[in-house]
Amino acid sequence: VLSELDQLVFGAQYDHSSSQEVKEKIRYLEDHVCPG
């Protein structure tokens, strides 16, 4: 659910310091965690 995406984003500051794996996970959830 959406809360997991929030924790990734606000915890990792992904646009500056996170690994590529975390960035890909964030991108996938961004596209799919709210399916409707």
Full PDB file with SEQRES, HELIX, SHEET, SSBOND, CRYST1, ORIGX, SCALE, CONECT and MASTER records, all heavy atoms in Angstrom:
SEQRES   1 A   36  VAL LEU SER GLU LEU ASP GLN LEU VAL PHE GLY ALA GLN          
SEQRES   2 A   36  TYR ASP HIS SER SER SER GLN GLU VAL LYS GLU LYS ILE          
SEQRES   3 A   36  ARG TYR LEU GLU ASP HIS VAL CYS PRO GLY                      
HELIX    1 AA1 LEU A    2  ALA A   12  1                                  11    
HELIX    2 AA2 GLN A   20  HIS A   32  1                                  13    
CRYST1    1.000    1.000    1.000  90.00  90.00  90.00 P 1           1          
ORIGX1      1.000000  0.000000  0.000000        0.00000                         
ORIGX2      0.000000  1.000000  0.000000        0.00000                         
ORIGX3      0.000000  0.000000  1.000000        0.00000                         
SCALE1      1.000000  0.000000  0.000000        0.00000                         
SCALE2      0.000000  1.000000  0.000000        0.00000                         
SCALE3      0.000000  0.000000  1.000000        0.00000                         
ATOM      1  N   VAL A   1       0.840  -1.193   0.000  1.00  0.00           N  
ATOM      2  CA  VAL A   1       0.000   0.000   0.000  1.00  0.00           C  
ATOM      3  C   VAL A   1       0.881   1.251   0.000  1.00  0.00           C  
ATOM      4  O   VAL A   1       2.105   1.168   0.122  1.00  0.00           O  
ATOM      5  CB  VAL A   1      -0.948   0.016   1.217  1.00  0.00           C  
ATOM      6  CG1 VAL A   1      -1.955  -1.127   1.116  1.00  0.00           C  
ATOM      7  CG2 VAL A   1      -0.173  -0.065   2.523  1.00  0.00           C  
ATOM      8  N   LEU A   2       0.245   2.396  -0.126  1.00  0.00           N  
ATOM      9  CA  LEU A   2       0.954   3.654  -0.369  1.00  0.00           C  
ATOM     10  C   LEU A   2       1.950   4.000   0.726  1.00  0.00           C  
ATOM     11  O   LEU A   2       2.976   4.636   0.460  1.00  0.00           O  
ATOM     12  CB  LEU A   2      -0.068   4.782  -0.527  1.00  0.00           C  
ATOM     13  CG  LEU A   2       0.468   6.167  -0.926  1.00  0.00           C  
ATOM     14  CD1 LEU A   2       1.163   6.113  -2.284  1.00  0.00           C  
ATOM     15  CD2 LEU A   2      -0.663   7.188  -0.942  1.00  0.00           C  
ATOM     16  N   SER A   3       1.691   3.597   1.950  1.00  0.00           N  
ATOM     17  CA  SER A   3       2.582   3.964   3.055  1.00  0.00           C  
ATOM     18  C   SER A   3       4.000   3.449   2.837  1.00  0.00           C  
ATOM     19  O   SER A   3       4.967   4.090   3.249  1.00  0.00           O  
ATOM     20  CB  SER A   3       2.035   3.440   4.384  1.00  0.00           C  
ATOM     21  OG  SER A   3       1.858   2.036   4.346  1.00  0.00           O  
ATOM     22  N   GLU A   4       4.141   2.303   2.176  1.00  0.00           N  
ATOM     23  CA  GLU A   4       5.487   1.773   1.934  1.00  0.00           C  
ATOM     24  C   GLU A   4       6.271   2.668   0.980  1.00  0.00           C  
ATOM     25  O   GLU A   4       7.468   2.890   1.155  1.00  0.00           O  
ATOM     26  CB  GLU A   4       5.414   0.352   1.389  1.00  0.00           C  
ATOM     27  CG  GLU A   4       6.789  -0.281   1.201  1.00  0.00           C  
ATOM     28  CD  GLU A   4       6.741  -1.791   1.052  1.00  0.00           C  
ATOM     29  OE1 GLU A   4       5.767  -2.417   1.517  1.00  0.00           O  
ATOM     30  OE2 GLU A   4       7.704  -2.345   0.485  1.00  0.00           O  
ATOM     31  N   LEU A   5       5.580   3.213  -0.007  1.00  0.00           N  
ATOM     32  CA  LEU A   5       6.232   4.149  -0.922  1.00  0.00           C  
ATOM     33  C   LEU A   5       6.654   5.407  -0.173  1.00  0.00           C  
ATOM     34  O   LEU A   5       7.770   5.921  -0.363  1.00  0.00           O  
ATOM     35  CB  LEU A   5       5.286   4.508  -2.070  1.00  0.00           C  
ATOM     36  CG  LEU A   5       5.786   5.579  -3.054  1.00  0.00           C  
ATOM     37  CD1 LEU A   5       7.071   5.147  -3.735  1.00  0.00           C  
ATOM     38  CD2 LEU A   5       4.710   5.876  -4.093  1.00  0.00           C  
ATOM     39  N   ASP A   6       5.794   5.931   0.691  1.00  0.00           N  
ATOM     40  CA  ASP A   6       6.131   7.121   1.474  1.00  0.00           C  
ATOM     41  C   ASP A   6       7.390   6.893   2.305  1.00  0.00           C  
ATOM     42  O   ASP A   6       8.276   7.755   2.369  1.00  0.00           O  
ATOM     43  CB  ASP A   6       4.973   7.483   2.413  1.00  0.00           C  
ATOM     44  CG  ASP A   6       3.764   8.018   1.677  1.00  0.00           C  
ATOM     45  OD1 ASP A   6       3.925   8.462   0.525  1.00  0.00           O  
ATOM     46  OD2 ASP A   6       2.662   7.981   2.253  1.00  0.00           O  
ATOM     47  N   GLN A   7       7.486   5.728   2.932  1.00  0.00           N  
ATOM     48  CA  GLN A   7       8.649   5.449   3.775  1.00  0.00           C  
ATOM     49  C   GLN A   7       9.927   5.381   2.956  1.00  0.00           C  
ATOM     50  O   GLN A   7      10.985   5.848   3.384  1.00  0.00           O  
ATOM     51  CB  GLN A   7       8.414   4.154   4.549  1.00  0.00           C  
ATOM     52  CG  GLN A   7       7.332   4.273   5.609  1.00  0.00           C  
ATOM     53  CD  GLN A   7       6.760   2.946   6.038  1.00  0.00           C  
ATOM     54  OE1 GLN A   7       7.295   1.886   5.685  1.00  0.00           O  
ATOM     55  NE2 GLN A   7       5.677   2.965   6.788  1.00  0.00           N  
ATOM     56  N   LEU A   8       9.835   4.804   1.768  1.00  0.00           N  
ATOM     57  CA  LEU A   8      11.003   4.751   0.896  1.00  0.00           C  
ATOM     58  C   LEU A   8      11.450   6.147   0.484  1.00  0.00           C  
ATOM     59  O   LEU A   8      12.630   6.497   0.553  1.00  0.00           O  
ATOM     60  CB  LEU A   8      10.691   3.934  -0.363  1.00  0.00           C  
ATOM     61  CG  LEU A   8      10.690   2.413  -0.224  1.00  0.00           C  
ATOM     62  CD1 LEU A   8      10.143   1.785  -1.489  1.00  0.00           C  
ATOM     63  CD2 LEU A   8      12.090   1.903   0.066  1.00  0.00           C  
ATOM     64  N   VAL A   9      10.494   6.962   0.084  1.00  0.00           N  
ATOM     65  CA  VAL A   9      10.816   8.290  -0.426  1.00  0.00           C  
ATOM     66  C   VAL A   9      11.386   9.178   0.677  1.00  0.00           C  
ATOM     67  O   VAL A   9      12.460   9.768   0.527  1.00  0.00           O  
ATOM     68  CB  VAL A   9       9.566   8.947  -1.045  1.00  0.00           C  
ATOM     69  CG1 VAL A   9       9.840  10.409  -1.375  1.00  0.00           C  
ATOM     70  CG2 VAL A   9       9.156   8.204  -2.304  1.00  0.00           C  
ATOM     71  N   PHE A  10      10.683   9.279   1.799  1.00  0.00           N  
ATOM     72  CA  PHE A  10      11.114  10.201   2.834  1.00  0.00           C  
ATOM     73  C   PHE A  10      12.296   9.671   3.637  1.00  0.00           C  
ATOM     74  O   PHE A  10      13.016  10.438   4.264  1.00  0.00           O  
ATOM     75  CB  PHE A  10       9.953  10.531   3.766  1.00  0.00           C  
ATOM     76  CG  PHE A  10       8.879  11.337   3.088  1.00  0.00           C  
ATOM     77  CD1 PHE A  10       7.573  10.866   3.024  1.00  0.00           C  
ATOM     78  CD2 PHE A  10       9.173  12.546   2.487  1.00  0.00           C  
ATOM     79  CE1 PHE A  10       6.582  11.598   2.390  1.00  0.00           C  
ATOM     80  CE2 PHE A  10       8.193  13.288   1.857  1.00  0.00           C  
ATOM     81  CZ  PHE A  10       6.892  12.809   1.802  1.00  0.00           C  
ATOM     82  N   GLY A  11      12.520   8.376   3.616  1.00  0.00           N  
ATOM     83  CA  GLY A  11      13.656   7.823   4.336  1.00  0.00           C  
ATOM     84  C   GLY A  11      14.930   7.830   3.524  1.00  0.00           C  
ATOM     85  O   GLY A  11      16.003   8.088   4.037  1.00  0.00           O  
ATOM     86  N   ALA A  12      14.813   7.602   2.225  1.00  0.00           N  
ATOM     87  CA  ALA A  12      16.006   7.379   1.426  1.00  0.00           C  
ATOM     88  C   ALA A  12      16.523   8.607   0.714  1.00  0.00           C  
ATOM     89  O   ALA A  12      17.668   8.616   0.265  1.00  0.00           O  
ATOM     90  CB  ALA A  12      15.725   6.293   0.391  1.00  0.00           C  
ATOM     91  N   GLN A  13      15.699   9.661   0.603  1.00  0.00           N  
ATOM     92  CA  GLN A  13      16.092  10.801  -0.234  1.00  0.00           C  
ATOM     93  C   GLN A  13      16.636  10.270  -1.559  1.00  0.00           C  
ATOM     94  O   GLN A  13      17.735  10.574  -2.005  1.00  0.00           O  
ATOM     95  CB  GLN A  13      17.164  11.648   0.444  1.00  0.00           C  
ATOM     96  CG  GLN A  13      16.627  12.544   1.550  1.00  0.00           C  
ATOM     97  CD  GLN A  13      17.627  13.585   1.956  1.00  0.00           C  
ATOM     98  OE1 GLN A  13      18.775  13.256   2.269  1.00  0.00           O  
ATOM     99  NE2 GLN A  13      17.216  14.826   1.949  1.00  0.00           N  
ATOM    100  N   TYR A  14      15.826   9.453  -2.224  1.00  0.00           N  
ATOM    101  CA  TYR A  14      16.281   8.621  -3.329  1.00  0.00           C  
ATOM    102  C   TYR A  14      16.871   9.395  -4.481  1.00  0.00           C  
ATOM    103  O   TYR A  14      17.716   8.876  -5.223  1.00  0.00           O  
ATOM    104  CB  TYR A  14      15.131   7.755  -3.826  1.00  0.00           C  
ATOM    105  CG  TYR A  14      14.067   8.515  -4.571  1.00  0.00           C  
ATOM    106  CD1 TYR A  14      14.069   8.572  -5.953  1.00  0.00           C  
ATOM    107  CD2 TYR A  14      13.070   9.194  -3.877  1.00  0.00           C  
ATOM    108  CE1 TYR A  14      13.090   9.284  -6.621  1.00  0.00           C  
ATOM    109  CE2 TYR A  14      12.095   9.894  -4.533  1.00  0.00           C  
ATOM    110  CZ  TYR A  14      12.110   9.938  -5.917  1.00  0.00           C  
ATOM    111  OH  TYR A  14      11.159  10.639  -6.589  1.00  0.00           O  
ATOM    112  N   ASP A  15      16.475  10.654  -4.656  1.00  0.00           N  
ATOM    113  CA  ASP A  15      16.961  11.370  -5.834  1.00  0.00           C  
ATOM    114  C   ASP A  15      18.418  11.791  -5.693  1.00  0.00           C  
ATOM    115  O   ASP A  15      19.025  12.268  -6.643  1.00  0.00           O  
ATOM    116  CB  ASP A  15      16.091  12.599  -6.090  1.00  0.00           C  
ATOM    117  CG  ASP A  15      15.975  13.505  -4.888  1.00  0.00           C  
ATOM    118  OD1 ASP A  15      16.096  13.013  -3.755  1.00  0.00           O  
ATOM    119  OD2 ASP A  15      15.756  14.717  -5.075  1.00  0.00           O  
ATOM    120  N   HIS A  16      19.006  11.648  -4.489  1.00  0.00           N  
ATOM    121  CA  HIS A  16      20.394  12.043  -4.297  1.00  0.00           C  
ATOM    122  C   HIS A  16      21.318  10.876  -3.933  1.00  0.00           C  
ATOM    123  O   HIS A  16      22.439  10.802  -4.406  1.00  0.00           O  
ATOM    124  CB  HIS A  16      20.488  13.100  -3.196  1.00  0.00           C  
ATOM    125  CG  HIS A  16      19.758  14.362  -3.517  1.00  0.00           C  
ATOM    126  ND1 HIS A  16      20.061  15.150  -4.594  1.00  0.00           N  
ATOM    127  CD2 HIS A  16      18.717  14.965  -2.888  1.00  0.00           C  
ATOM    128  CE1 HIS A  16      19.257  16.201  -4.626  1.00  0.00           C  
ATOM    129  NE2 HIS A  16      18.421  16.108  -3.609  1.00  0.00           N  
ATOM    130  N   SER A  17      20.812   9.978  -3.076  1.00  0.00           N  
ATOM    131  CA  SER A  17      21.774   9.050  -2.475  1.00  0.00           C  
ATOM    132  C   SER A  17      21.406   7.575  -2.538  1.00  0.00           C  
ATOM    133  O   SER A  17      22.211   6.741  -2.163  1.00  0.00           O  
ATOM    134  CB  SER A  17      21.977   9.441  -0.997  1.00  0.00           C  
ATOM    135  OG  SER A  17      20.744   9.375  -0.317  1.00  0.00           O  
ATOM    136  N   SER A  18      20.235   7.229  -2.989  1.00  0.00           N  
ATOM    137  CA  SER A  18      19.822   5.837  -2.904  1.00  0.00           C  
ATOM    138  C   SER A  18      20.402   4.983  -4.016  1.00  0.00           C  
ATOM    139  O   SER A  18      20.807   5.474  -5.069  1.00  0.00           O  
ATOM    140  CB  SER A  18      18.289   5.747  -2.938  1.00  0.00           C  
ATOM    141  OG  SER A  18      17.749   6.317  -1.789  1.00  0.00           O  
ATOM    142  N   SER A  19      20.395   3.691  -3.766  1.00  0.00           N  
ATOM    143  CA  SER A  19      20.888   2.751  -4.760  1.00  0.00           C  
ATOM    144  C   SER A  19      19.942   2.676  -5.935  1.00  0.00           C  
ATOM    145  O   SER A  19      18.770   3.065  -5.859  1.00  0.00           O  
ATOM    146  CB  SER A  19      21.018   1.361  -4.129  1.00  0.00           C  
ATOM    147  OG  SER A  19      19.722   0.841  -3.820  1.00  0.00           O  
ATOM    148  N   GLN A  20      20.430   2.126  -7.040  1.00  0.00           N  
ATOM    149  CA  GLN A  20      19.596   1.973  -8.230  1.00  0.00           C  
ATOM    150  C   GLN A  20      18.429   1.034  -7.948  1.00  0.00           C  
ATOM    151  O   GLN A  20      17.318   1.246  -8.446  1.00  0.00           O  
ATOM    152  CB  GLN A  20      20.449   1.423  -9.385  1.00  0.00           C  
ATOM    153  CG  GLN A  20      19.718   1.329 -10.715  1.00  0.00           C  
ATOM    154  CD  GLN A  20      19.266   2.687 -11.216  1.00  0.00           C  
ATOM    155  OE1 GLN A  20      19.939   3.702 -10.992  1.00  0.00           O  
ATOM    156  NE2 GLN A  20      18.122   2.726 -11.885  1.00  0.00           N  
ATOM    157  N   GLU A  21      18.664   0.037  -7.113  1.00  0.00           N  
ATOM    158  CA  GLU A  21      17.601  -0.908  -6.778  1.00  0.00           C  
ATOM    159  C   GLU A  21      16.444  -0.199  -6.069  1.00  0.00           C  
ATOM    160  O   GLU A  21      15.269  -0.444  -6.358  1.00  0.00           O  
ATOM    161  CB  GLU A  21      18.161  -2.018  -5.890  1.00  0.00           C  
ATOM    162  CG  GLU A  21      17.122  -3.066  -5.507  1.00  0.00           C  
ATOM    163  CD  GLU A  21      17.697  -4.137  -4.598  1.00  0.00           C  
ATOM    164  OE1 GLU A  21      18.928  -4.116  -4.345  1.00  0.00           O  
ATOM    165  OE2 GLU A  21      16.921  -4.990  -4.119  1.00  0.00           O  
ATOM    166  N   VAL A  22      16.778   0.685  -5.122  1.00  0.00           N  
ATOM    167  CA  VAL A  22      15.746   1.423  -4.403  1.00  0.00           C  
ATOM    168  C   VAL A  22      15.002   2.360  -5.353  1.00  0.00           C  
ATOM    169  O   VAL A  22      13.771   2.478  -5.308  1.00  0.00           O  
ATOM    170  CB  VAL A  22      16.348   2.210  -3.228  1.00  0.00           C  
ATOM    171  CG1 VAL A  22      15.317   3.145  -2.611  1.00  0.00           C  
ATOM    172  CG2 VAL A  22      16.887   1.250  -2.172  1.00  0.00           C  
ATOM    173  N   LYS A  23      15.740   3.011  -6.237  1.00  0.00           N  
ATOM    174  CA  LYS A  23      15.109   3.911  -7.201  1.00  0.00           C  
ATOM    175  C   LYS A  23      14.132   3.158  -8.102  1.00  0.00           C  
ATOM    176  O   LYS A  23      13.039   3.648  -8.392  1.00  0.00           O  
ATOM    177  CB  LYS A  23      16.175   4.591  -8.058  1.00  0.00           C  
ATOM    178  CG  LYS A  23      17.041   5.579  -7.308  1.00  0.00           C  
ATOM    179  CD  LYS A  23      18.090   6.195  -8.226  1.00  0.00           C  
ATOM    180  CE  LYS A  23      18.988   7.173  -7.476  1.00  0.00           C  
ATOM    181  NZ  LYS A  23      20.018   7.767  -8.340  1.00  0.00           N  
ATOM    182  N   GLU A  24      14.508   1.965  -8.514  1.00  0.00           N  
ATOM    183  CA  GLU A  24      13.626   1.176  -9.382  1.00  0.00           C  
ATOM    184  C   GLU A  24      12.390   0.716  -8.624  1.00  0.00           C  
ATOM    185  O   GLU A  24      11.289   0.688  -9.175  1.00  0.00           O  
ATOM    186  CB  GLU A  24      14.395  -0.027  -9.939  1.00  0.00           C  
ATOM    187  CG  GLU A  24      15.452   0.360 -10.965  1.00  0.00           C  
ATOM    188  CD  GLU A  24      16.276  -0.818 -11.429  1.00  0.00           C  
ATOM    189  OE1 GLU A  24      16.036  -1.946 -10.921  1.00  0.00           O  
ATOM    190  OE2 GLU A  24      17.167  -0.631 -12.282  1.00  0.00           O  
ATOM    191  N   LYS A  25      12.577   0.370  -7.349  1.00  0.00           N  
ATOM    192  CA  LYS A  25      11.441  -0.038  -6.535  1.00  0.00           C  
ATOM    193  C   LYS A  25      10.462   1.118  -6.365  1.00  0.00           C  
ATOM    194  O   LYS A  25       9.239   0.959  -6.485  1.00  0.00           O  
ATOM    195  CB  LYS A  25      11.921  -0.540  -5.181  1.00  0.00           C  
ATOM    196  CG  LYS A  25      10.797  -1.018  -4.265  1.00  0.00           C  
ATOM    197  CD  LYS A  25      11.350  -1.611  -2.972  1.00  0.00           C  
ATOM    198  CE  LYS A  25      10.224  -2.130  -2.072  1.00  0.00           C  
ATOM    199  NZ  LYS A  25      10.755  -2.741  -0.830  1.00  0.00           N  
ATOM    200  N   ILE A  26      11.009   2.300  -6.100  1.00  0.00           N  
ATOM    201  CA  ILE A  26      10.166   3.481  -5.948  1.00  0.00           C  
ATOM    202  C   ILE A  26       9.405   3.756  -7.235  1.00  0.00           C  
ATOM    203  O   ILE A  26       8.204   4.043  -7.218  1.00  0.00           O  
ATOM    204  CB  ILE A  26      11.009   4.699  -5.527  1.00  0.00           C  
ATOM    205  CG1 ILE A  26      11.464   4.523  -4.074  1.00  0.00           C  
ATOM    206  CG2 ILE A  26      10.236   6.001  -5.710  1.00  0.00           C  
ATOM    207  CD1 ILE A  26      12.450   5.561  -3.603  1.00  0.00           C  
ATOM    208  N   ARG A  27      10.092   3.641  -8.362  1.00  0.00           N  
ATOM    209  CA  ARG A  27       9.434   3.908  -9.634  1.00  0.00           C  
ATOM    210  C   ARG A  27       8.315   2.904  -9.903  1.00  0.00           C  
ATOM    211  O   ARG A  27       7.231   3.276 -10.366  1.00  0.00           O  
ATOM    212  CB  ARG A  27      10.464   3.840 -10.781  1.00  0.00           C  
ATOM    213  CG  ARG A  27       9.883   4.111 -12.157  1.00  0.00           C  
ATOM    214  CD  ARG A  27       9.360   5.517 -12.265  1.00  0.00           C  
ATOM    215  NE  ARG A  27       8.707   5.742 -13.545  1.00  0.00           N  
ATOM    216  CZ  ARG A  27       8.259   6.926 -13.962  1.00  0.00           C  
ATOM    217  NH1 ARG A  27       8.415   7.981 -13.198  1.00  0.00           N  
ATOM    218  NH2 ARG A  27       7.663   7.039 -15.127  1.00  0.00           N  
ATOM    219  N   TYR A  28       8.564   1.636  -9.585  1.00  0.00           N  
ATOM    220  CA  TYR A  28       7.529   0.619  -9.807  1.00  0.00           C  
ATOM    221  C   TYR A  28       6.306   0.910  -8.932  1.00  0.00           C  
ATOM    222  O   TYR A  28       5.163   0.870  -9.409  1.00  0.00           O  
ATOM    223  CB  TYR A  28       8.063  -0.778  -9.494  1.00  0.00           C  
ATOM    224  CG  TYR A  28       7.016  -1.853  -9.712  1.00  0.00           C  
ATOM    225  CD1 TYR A  28       6.819  -2.411 -10.965  1.00  0.00           C  
ATOM    226  CD2 TYR A  28       6.181  -2.259  -8.665  1.00  0.00           C  
ATOM    227  CE1 TYR A  28       5.830  -3.373 -11.174  1.00  0.00           C  
ATOM    228  CE2 TYR A  28       5.193  -3.214  -8.863  1.00  0.00           C  
ATOM    229  CZ  TYR A  28       5.026  -3.758 -10.118  1.00  0.00           C  
ATOM    230  OH  TYR A  28       4.030  -4.689 -10.337  1.00  0.00           O  
ATOM    231  N   LEU A  29       6.547   1.200  -7.657  1.00  0.00           N  
ATOM    232  CA  LEU A  29       5.428   1.473  -6.756  1.00  0.00           C  
ATOM    233  C   LEU A  29       4.694   2.743  -7.168  1.00  0.00           C  
ATOM    234  O   LEU A  29       3.465   2.817  -7.080  1.00  0.00           O  
ATOM    235  CB  LEU A  29       5.924   1.574  -5.321  1.00  0.00           C  
ATOM    236  CG  LEU A  29       6.422   0.271  -4.700  1.00  0.00           C  
ATOM    237  CD1 LEU A  29       6.918   0.514  -3.274  1.00  0.00           C  
ATOM    238  CD2 LEU A  29       5.334  -0.794  -4.706  1.00  0.00           C  
ATOM    239  N   GLU A  30       5.438   3.729  -7.605  1.00  0.00           N  
ATOM    240  CA  GLU A  30       4.811   4.956  -8.089  1.00  0.00           C  
ATOM    241  C   GLU A  30       3.793   4.669  -9.192  1.00  0.00           C  
ATOM    242  O   GLU A  30       2.712   5.268  -9.249  1.00  0.00           O  
ATOM    243  CB  GLU A  30       5.891   5.914  -8.606  1.00  0.00           C  
ATOM    244  CG  GLU A  30       5.362   7.207  -9.213  1.00  0.00           C  
ATOM    245  CD  GLU A  30       6.481   8.038  -9.805  1.00  0.00           C  
ATOM    246  OE1 GLU A  30       7.635   7.929  -9.327  1.00  0.00           O  
ATOM    247  OE2 GLU A  30       6.218   8.783 -10.755  1.00  0.00           O  
ATOM    248  N   ASP A  31       4.117   3.724 -10.051  1.00  0.00           N  
ATOM    249  CA  ASP A  31       3.245   3.399 -11.186  1.00  0.00           C  
ATOM    250  C   ASP A  31       2.126   2.434 -10.830  1.00  0.00           C  
ATOM    251  O   ASP A  31       1.120   2.367 -11.544  1.00  0.00           O  
ATOM    252  CB  ASP A  31       4.071   2.785 -12.325  1.00  0.00           C  
ATOM    253  CG  ASP A  31       4.954   3.800 -13.024  1.00  0.00           C  
ATOM    254  OD1 ASP A  31       4.699   5.010 -12.873  1.00  0.00           O  
ATOM    255  OD2 ASP A  31       5.912   3.378 -13.702  1.00  0.00           O  
ATOM    256  N   HIS A  32       2.276   1.664  -9.728  1.00  0.00           N  
ATOM    257  CA  HIS A  32       1.339   0.571  -9.491  1.00  0.00           C  
ATOM    258  C   HIS A  32       0.670   0.542  -8.116  1.00  0.00           C  
ATOM    259  O   HIS A  32      -0.313  -0.184  -7.939  1.00  0.00           O  
ATOM    260  CB  HIS A  32       2.056  -0.771  -9.697  1.00  0.00           C  
ATOM    261  CG  HIS A  32       2.565  -0.983 -11.080  1.00  0.00           C  
ATOM    262  ND1 HIS A  32       3.847  -0.627 -11.467  1.00  0.00           N  
ATOM    263  CD2 HIS A  32       1.963  -1.498 -12.183  1.00  0.00           C  
ATOM    264  CE1 HIS A  32       4.021  -0.936 -12.746  1.00  0.00           C  
ATOM    265  NE2 HIS A  32       2.900  -1.456 -13.193  1.00  0.00           N  
ATOM    266  N   VAL A  33       1.173   1.291  -7.129  1.00  0.00           N  
ATOM    267  CA  VAL A  33       0.668   1.125  -5.769  1.00  0.00           C  
ATOM    268  C   VAL A  33      -0.754   1.665  -5.604  1.00  0.00           C  
ATOM    269  O   VAL A  33      -1.464   1.274  -4.682  1.00  0.00           O  
ATOM    270  CB  VAL A  33       1.627   1.793  -4.757  1.00  0.00           C  
ATOM    271  CG1 VAL A  33       1.471   3.315  -4.738  1.00  0.00           C  
ATOM    272  CG2 VAL A  33       1.440   1.197  -3.362  1.00  0.00           C  
ATOM    273  N   CYS A  34      -1.181   2.544  -6.490  1.00  0.00           N  
ATOM    274  CA  CYS A  34      -2.568   3.025  -6.488  1.00  0.00           C  
ATOM    275  C   CYS A  34      -3.235   2.562  -7.781  1.00  0.00           C  
ATOM    276  O   CYS A  34      -3.304   3.310  -8.756  1.00  0.00           O  
ATOM    277  CB  CYS A  34      -2.621   4.546  -6.376  1.00  0.00           C  
ATOM    278  SG  CYS A  34      -2.042   5.183  -4.791  1.00  0.00           S  
ATOM    279  N   PRO A  35      -3.731   1.334  -7.834  1.00  0.00           N  
ATOM    280  CA  PRO A  35      -4.224   0.752  -9.087  1.00  0.00           C  
ATOM    281  C   PRO A  35      -5.592   1.256  -9.526  1.00  0.00           C  
ATOM    282  O   PRO A  35      -6.054   0.892 -10.611  1.00  0.00           O  
ATOM    283  CB  PRO A  35      -4.279  -0.744  -8.780  1.00  0.00           C  
ATOM    284  CG  PRO A  35      -4.468  -0.822  -7.313  1.00  0.00           C  
ATOM    285  CD  PRO A  35      -3.735   0.344  -6.742  1.00  0.00           C  
ATOM    286  N   GLY A  36      -6.228   2.066  -8.716  1.00  0.00           N  
ATOM    287  CA  GLY A  36      -7.543   2.562  -9.095  1.00  0.00           C  
ATOM    288  C   GLY A  36      -8.145   3.394  -7.994  1.00  0.00           C  
ATOM    289  O   GLY A  36      -7.506   3.678  -6.975  1.00  0.00           O  
TER     290      GLY A  36                                                      
MASTER        0    0    0    2    0    0    0    6  289    1    0    3          
END                                                                             
